[in-house]
Protein backbone atom coordinates (compact mmCIF):
# COMPACT_ATOMS: atom_id res chain seq x y z
CA MET A 1 66.68 -3.53 43.89
CA SER A 2 63.33 -2.70 45.43
CA LEU A 3 60.10 -2.61 43.46
CA LEU A 4 59.97 1.17 43.88
CA GLN A 5 63.43 1.51 42.35
CA LEU A 6 62.37 -0.76 39.45
CA LEU A 7 59.33 1.43 38.86
CA VAL A 8 61.36 4.64 38.92
CA MET A 9 63.93 3.24 36.48
CA ALA A 10 61.22 1.85 34.18
CA SER A 11 59.39 5.18 34.23
CA LEU A 12 62.59 7.04 33.48
CA SER A 13 63.26 4.70 30.54
CA GLY A 14 59.75 5.16 29.14
CA SER A 15 59.97 8.95 29.44
CA LEU A 16 63.39 9.09 27.81
CA ILE A 17 62.28 6.92 24.89
CA LYS A 18 59.30 9.20 24.23
CA LEU A 19 61.48 12.27 24.62
CA THR A 20 63.92 10.79 22.09
CA ASP A 21 61.00 10.11 19.73
CA ASP A 22 59.65 13.61 20.02
CA ILE A 23 63.01 15.32 19.68
CA GLU A 24 63.55 13.41 16.44
CA ASP A 25 59.98 13.43 15.06
CA ARG A 26 58.49 16.69 16.33
CA ASP A 27 61.59 18.87 16.29
CA LEU A 28 61.06 19.43 20.00
CA ALA A 29 64.71 20.46 20.35
CA SER A 30 67.89 20.19 18.33
CA LYS A 31 68.13 16.61 17.05
CA GLN A 32 71.54 16.34 18.70
CA TYR A 33 69.75 16.15 22.08
CA ALA A 34 68.22 12.84 21.02
CA ILE A 35 71.63 11.17 21.31
CA PRO A 36 72.14 11.68 25.08
CA CYS A 37 68.47 10.82 25.66
CA GLY A 38 68.95 7.62 23.67
CA LEU A 39 72.12 6.73 25.54
CA ALA A 40 70.40 7.38 28.88
CA TYR A 41 67.37 5.21 28.13
CA GLY A 42 69.61 2.52 26.67
CA LEU A 43 71.78 2.38 29.78
CA SER A 44 68.71 2.45 32.01
CA MET A 45 66.98 -0.36 30.13
CA GLY A 46 70.19 -2.36 29.92
CA TYR A 47 70.68 -2.05 33.67
CA LEU A 48 67.10 -3.15 34.35
CA MET A 49 67.64 -6.14 32.07
CA LEU A 50 70.71 -7.09 34.11
CA ILE A 51 68.98 -7.11 37.46
CA ASP A 52 65.60 -8.72 36.64
CA THR A 53 65.11 -11.73 34.37
CA ASP A 54 61.44 -11.00 33.71
CA VAL A 55 62.21 -7.40 32.81
CA ALA A 56 64.98 -8.65 30.52
CA LEU A 57 62.43 -10.76 28.64
CA LEU A 58 60.02 -7.83 28.46
CA PHE A 59 62.52 -5.26 27.22
CA GLY A 60 64.30 -7.78 25.00
CA GLY A 61 60.96 -8.54 23.34
CA ILE A 62 60.06 -4.86 22.99
CA ILE A 63 63.42 -4.15 21.38
CA LEU A 64 63.11 -7.06 18.94
CA GLY A 65 59.49 -6.16 18.12
CA ASN A 66 60.48 -2.58 17.39
CA LEU A 67 63.41 -3.71 15.25
CA ILE A 68 61.12 -6.01 13.26
CA THR A 69 58.60 -3.24 12.60
CA GLY A 70 61.21 -0.62 11.76
CA LYS A 71 60.43 1.62 14.74
CA ILE A 72 64.11 1.99 15.65
CA ASN A 73 64.75 4.44 12.85
CA SER A 74 66.64 7.48 14.06
CA ARG A 75 70.03 8.45 15.43
CA GLY A 76 68.82 8.79 19.03
CA HIS A 77 67.29 5.32 18.96
CA TYR A 78 70.39 3.84 17.32
CA PHE A 79 72.42 5.17 20.25
CA GLY A 80 69.81 3.79 22.67
CA LEU A 81 69.97 0.38 21.04
CA GLY A 82 73.76 0.54 21.04
CA ALA A 83 73.82 1.29 24.77
CA ILE A 84 71.44 -1.60 25.51
CA LEU A 85 73.51 -4.01 23.42
CA ALA A 86 76.75 -2.82 25.00
CA VAL A 87 75.39 -3.53 28.49
CA LEU A 88 74.02 -6.92 27.43
CA PHE A 89 77.24 -7.99 25.73
CA LEU A 90 79.51 -6.69 28.49
CA TYR A 91 77.59 -8.46 31.23
CA GLY A 92 76.44 -11.50 29.26
CA VAL A 93 72.68 -11.32 29.63
CA LYS A 94 71.05 -14.42 28.18
CA LEU A 95 67.43 -14.44 27.10
CA SER A 96 65.17 -17.47 26.79
CA PRO A 97 63.23 -18.20 23.59
CA LEU A 98 60.21 -16.67 25.38
CA VAL A 99 61.63 -13.33 24.23
CA LEU A 100 60.35 -14.20 20.74
CA ALA A 101 56.75 -14.43 21.99
CA VAL A 102 57.10 -11.06 23.71
CA ALA A 103 58.64 -9.66 20.50
CA ALA A 104 55.64 -10.89 18.52
CA LEU A 105 53.28 -9.13 20.96
CA ALA A 106 55.32 -5.92 20.77
CA ALA A 107 55.36 -6.11 16.96
CA LEU A 108 51.57 -6.60 16.90
CA ASP A 109 51.21 -3.38 18.88
CA GLU A 110 53.13 -1.50 16.20
CA ILE A 111 51.06 -2.92 13.32
CA GLY A 112 48.58 -0.06 13.73
CA ASP A 113 51.27 2.33 12.47
CA ILE A 114 52.11 0.11 9.51
CA ILE A 115 48.76 -1.09 8.16
CA ARG A 116 45.37 0.56 8.01
CA VAL A 117 43.13 -0.61 10.84
CA PRO A 118 39.46 0.19 11.34
CA GLN A 119 39.00 3.26 13.50
CA SER A 120 36.96 1.20 15.97
CA LEU A 121 40.12 -0.84 16.73
CA ASP A 122 42.49 2.13 16.84
CA PHE A 123 42.48 2.27 20.66
CA ILE A 124 44.03 -1.22 20.78
CA PHE A 125 47.10 0.08 19.00
CA GLU A 126 47.09 3.54 20.55
CA TYR A 127 47.38 2.07 24.05
CA ARG A 128 49.48 -0.94 22.97
CA LEU A 129 47.01 -3.39 24.45
CA MET A 130 48.34 -6.47 22.67
CA LEU A 131 51.57 -6.43 24.66
CA LYS A 132 49.85 -5.55 27.94
CA LEU A 133 47.23 -8.28 27.59
CA GLY A 134 49.83 -10.77 26.39
CA ILE A 135 52.11 -10.07 29.36
CA LEU A 136 49.09 -10.28 31.69
CA LEU A 137 48.27 -13.71 30.25
CA LEU A 138 51.88 -14.86 30.66
CA VAL A 139 51.78 -13.68 34.30
CA ILE A 140 48.48 -15.49 34.93
CA LEU A 141 49.94 -18.67 33.40
CA LYS A 142 53.03 -18.18 35.62
CA ILE A 143 55.31 -18.18 32.60
CA ILE A 144 56.69 -14.75 33.42
CA GLY A 145 56.84 -12.94 36.75
CA LEU A 146 54.56 -10.14 37.90
CA ASN A 147 57.51 -7.71 37.80
CA ALA A 148 57.30 -7.71 33.99
CA LEU A 149 53.69 -6.48 34.03
CA ILE A 150 54.31 -3.89 36.72
CA VAL A 151 57.39 -2.57 34.92
CA LEU A 152 55.52 -2.51 31.60
CA LEU A 153 52.70 -0.43 33.10
CA ALA A 154 55.16 2.04 34.68
CA PHE A 155 57.24 2.22 31.49
CA ASP A 156 54.24 2.74 29.21
CA GLY A 157 52.49 5.12 31.60
CA ALA A 158 55.56 7.35 31.68
CA TYR A 159 55.87 7.08 27.89
CA MET A 160 52.27 8.28 27.42
CA LEU A 161 52.56 11.00 30.08
CA THR A 162 55.73 12.33 28.46
CA GLY A 163 54.01 12.27 25.07
CA GLY A 164 51.18 14.38 26.46
CA LEU A 165 53.62 16.84 27.99
CA THR A 166 55.74 17.18 24.86
CA ARG A 167 52.63 17.68 22.70
CA ARG A 168 51.51 20.43 25.03
CA PHE A 169 54.99 21.95 25.16
CA SER A 170 55.41 21.88 21.38
CA HIS A 171 52.09 23.73 20.95
CA GLU A 172 53.14 26.42 23.42
CA VAL A 173 56.50 27.08 21.75
């Protein structure tokens, strides 16, 4: 798979996760629509994890970090997680223990939603900088490949862009 295809799939996954969030949390549409969105992002992420080892570590860590912090908490996300796990189990994806370090970084990014942080540090959690800086450090140390960082930026950029669009759309409705 080319880098462009990886970026498109990662962006699609990020957008679908945010859409699933907003359908569930903001009543953007009937909550039943969160299920196909969850299945779609789960299959997309699962496929990306099959074809790229570094992306598998990234998404595996994000999934574990979100499980730890309780962010996978709705029907759409349960279906997304189920789709990811189905792909991983069917095709036998194996993750190294490095996934735990990535999970810790992902969990740290979600701490801002769980505990009260000073407003001056809010931007760190709003833009999930712990994971981005952690992955950048792992790339610099040549522990994880550059694909993981590129995919993370595409995934998160699409997530934030979709969030902006759904906020705007929900105000117009």
